[in-house]
Amino acid sequence: MLDRQLNNRQSDELRQNIEQLARHHKQDIILNCSRLQSISAVGIEQINALLSRFSQLRLAQVSEPVAALLQLCGLFPEKLPSEKPDL
């Protein structure tokens, strides 16, 4: 689980944790982002690198502000999962 912010210091720790999980688990790796309130440029780069490298990695419970930023960077779907589809 990410806690409050993802910046330079936390991004290296996140990478190491995901690498370790990926070595031992071939199933989906769910990254709980419910407590993530802010993300730096370094954090965005790390998320991009991890999503590119590990196809089993999924982001979950991403807050609207963080999701909007990730959308601007092309790393998150256009619609948040909680949004209802247009009819």
C-alpha atoms as a PDB file:
ATOM      1  CA  MET A   1       0.000   0.000   0.000  1.00  0.00           C
ATOM      2  CA  LEU A   2       1.269   3.424  -0.894  1.00  0.00           C
ATOM      3  CA  ASP A   3       1.064   5.921   1.937  1.00  0.00           C
ATOM      4  CA  ARG A   4       0.298   9.635   1.396  1.00  0.00           C
ATOM      5  CA  GLN A   5       2.912  10.488  -1.243  1.00  0.00           C
ATOM      6  CA  LEU A   6       5.129   8.892  -3.837  1.00  0.00           C
ATOM      7  CA  ASN A   7       8.330  10.823  -4.395  1.00  0.00           C
ATOM      8  CA  ASN A   8      11.996  10.059  -5.045  1.00  0.00           C
ATOM      9  CA  ARG A   9      12.615   8.343  -1.719  1.00  0.00           C
ATOM     10  CA  GLN A  10       9.511   6.160  -1.785  1.00  0.00           C
ATOM     11  CA  SER A  11       9.771   5.291  -5.487  1.00  0.00           C
ATOM     12  CA  ASP A  12      12.972   3.253  -5.026  1.00  0.00           C
ATOM     13  CA  GLU A  13      11.409   1.326  -2.152  1.00  0.00           C
ATOM     14  CA  LEU A  14       8.273   0.717  -4.239  1.00  0.00           C
ATOM     15  CA  ARG A  15      10.365  -0.611  -7.150  1.00  0.00           C
ATOM     16  CA  GLN A  16      12.234  -3.003  -4.864  1.00  0.00           C
ATOM     17  CA  ASN A  17       8.992  -4.270  -3.302  1.00  0.00           C
ATOM     18  CA  ILE A  18       7.313  -4.822  -6.678  1.00  0.00           C
ATOM     19  CA  GLU A  19      10.403  -6.604  -8.027  1.00  0.00           C
ATOM     20  CA  GLN A  20      10.410  -8.926  -5.018  1.00  0.00           C
ATOM     21  CA  LEU A  21       6.683  -9.643  -5.346  1.00  0.00           C
ATOM     22  CA  ALA A  22       7.007 -10.299  -9.076  1.00  0.00           C
ATOM     23  CA  ARG A  23       9.761 -12.859  -8.473  1.00  0.00           C
ATOM     24  CA  HIS A  24       7.527 -14.860  -6.140  1.00  0.00           C
ATOM     25  CA  HIS A  25       4.023 -14.233  -7.534  1.00  0.00           C
ATOM     26  CA  LYS A  26       3.099 -14.659 -11.163  1.00  0.00           C
ATOM     27  CA  GLN A  27      -0.518 -13.622 -10.571  1.00  0.00           C
ATOM     28  CA  ASP A  28      -1.801 -10.048 -10.465  1.00  0.00           C
ATOM     29  CA  ILE A  29      -0.018  -7.670  -8.122  1.00  0.00           C
ATOM     30  CA  ILE A  30      -2.533  -5.137  -6.814  1.00  0.00           C
ATOM     31  CA  LEU A  31      -1.065  -1.829  -5.658  1.00  0.00           C
ATOM     32  CA  ASN A  32      -3.510  -0.206  -3.230  1.00  0.00           C
ATOM     33  CA  CYS A  33      -3.368   3.558  -3.831  1.00  0.00           C
ATOM     34  CA  SER A  34      -6.252   4.541  -1.540  1.00  0.00           C
ATOM     35  CA  ARG A  35      -3.994   6.521   0.819  1.00  0.00           C
ATOM     36  CA  LEU A  36      -1.887   8.117  -1.919  1.00  0.00           C
ATOM     37  CA  GLN A  37      -2.560  11.867  -1.866  1.00  0.00           C
ATOM     38  CA  SER A  38       0.263  13.215  -4.047  1.00  0.00           C
ATOM     39  CA  ILE A  39       2.757  11.952  -6.573  1.00  0.00           C
ATOM     40  CA  SER A  40       5.912  13.645  -7.847  1.00  0.00           C
ATOM     41  CA  ALA A  41       7.346  13.515 -11.365  1.00  0.00           C
ATOM     42  CA  VAL A  42       9.775  10.842 -10.148  1.00  0.00           C
ATOM     43  CA  GLY A  43       6.847   8.867  -8.740  1.00  0.00           C
ATOM     44  CA  ILE A  44       5.006   9.106 -12.055  1.00  0.00           C
ATOM     45  CA  GLU A  45       8.115   7.909 -13.898  1.00  0.00           C
ATOM     46  CA  GLN A  46       8.437   4.978 -11.491  1.00  0.00           C
ATOM     47  CA  ILE A  47       4.766   3.993 -11.890  1.00  0.00           C
ATOM     48  CA  ASN A  48       5.173   4.176 -15.684  1.00  0.00           C
ATOM     49  CA  ALA A  49       8.322   2.031 -15.583  1.00  0.00           C
ATOM     50  CA  LEU A  50       6.728  -0.532 -13.271  1.00  0.00           C
ATOM     51  CA  LEU A  51       3.523  -0.787 -15.325  1.00  0.00           C
ATOM     52  CA  SER A  52       5.613  -1.244 -18.480  1.00  0.00           C
ATOM     53  CA  ARG A  53       7.881  -3.844 -16.911  1.00  0.00           C
ATOM     54  CA  PHE A  54       5.344  -5.897 -14.951  1.00  0.00           C
ATOM     55  CA  SER A  55       2.205  -6.767 -16.888  1.00  0.00           C
ATOM     56  CA  GLN A  56       0.679  -8.299 -13.757  1.00  0.00           C
ATOM     57  CA  LEU A  57       0.785  -4.970 -11.862  1.00  0.00           C
ATOM     58  CA  ARG A  58      -2.565  -3.233 -11.310  1.00  0.00           C
ATOM     59  CA  LEU A  59      -3.357   0.037  -9.562  1.00  0.00           C
ATOM     60  CA  ALA A  60      -6.398  -0.019  -7.279  1.00  0.00           C
ATOM     61  CA  GLN A  61      -8.424   2.561  -5.365  1.00  0.00           C
ATOM     62  CA  VAL A  62      -6.665   5.516  -6.955  1.00  0.00           C
ATOM     63  CA  SER A  63      -7.984   8.859  -5.664  1.00  0.00           C
ATOM     64  CA  GLU A  64      -9.521  11.251  -8.178  1.00  0.00           C
ATOM     65  CA  PRO A  65      -6.691  13.847  -7.971  1.00  0.00           C
ATOM     66  CA  VAL A  66      -3.969  11.230  -8.463  1.00  0.00           C
ATOM     67  CA  ALA A  67      -5.974   9.490 -11.200  1.00  0.00           C
ATOM     68  CA  ALA A  68      -6.422  12.818 -13.010  1.00  0.00           C
ATOM     69  CA  LEU A  69      -2.666  13.395 -12.958  1.00  0.00           C
ATOM     70  CA  LEU A  70      -1.974   9.858 -14.168  1.00  0.00           C
ATOM     71  CA  GLN A  71      -4.559  10.360 -16.937  1.00  0.00           C
ATOM     72  CA  LEU A  72      -2.735  13.480 -18.102  1.00  0.00           C
ATOM     73  CA  CYS A  73       0.414  11.373 -18.374  1.00  0.00           C
ATOM     74  CA  GLY A  74      -1.393   8.606 -20.260  1.00  0.00           C
ATOM     75  CA  LEU A  75      -0.969   6.072 -17.454  1.00  0.00           C
ATOM     76  CA  PHE A  76      -4.563   5.686 -16.380  1.00  0.00           C
ATOM     77  CA  PRO A  77      -7.815   5.047 -18.263  1.00  0.00           C
ATOM     78  CA  GLU A  78      -9.893   7.981 -19.437  1.00  0.00           C
ATOM     79  CA  LYS A  79     -12.684   7.147 -17.018  1.00  0.00           C
ATOM     80  CA  LEU A  80     -12.207   6.260 -13.388  1.00  0.00           C
ATOM     81  CA  PRO A  81     -13.464   2.755 -12.584  1.00  0.00           C
ATOM     82  CA  SER A  82     -16.127   4.200 -10.267  1.00  0.00           C
ATOM     83  CA  GLU A  83     -17.660   6.279 -13.083  1.00  0.00           C
ATOM     84  CA  LYS A  84     -20.717   4.968 -14.888  1.00  0.00           C
ATOM     85  CA  PRO A  85     -20.377   4.526 -18.656  1.00  0.00           C
ATOM     86  CA  ASP A  86     -22.101   6.991 -20.973  1.00  0.00           C
ATOM     87  CA  LEU A  87     -25.330   5.674 -22.493  1.00  0.00           C
END
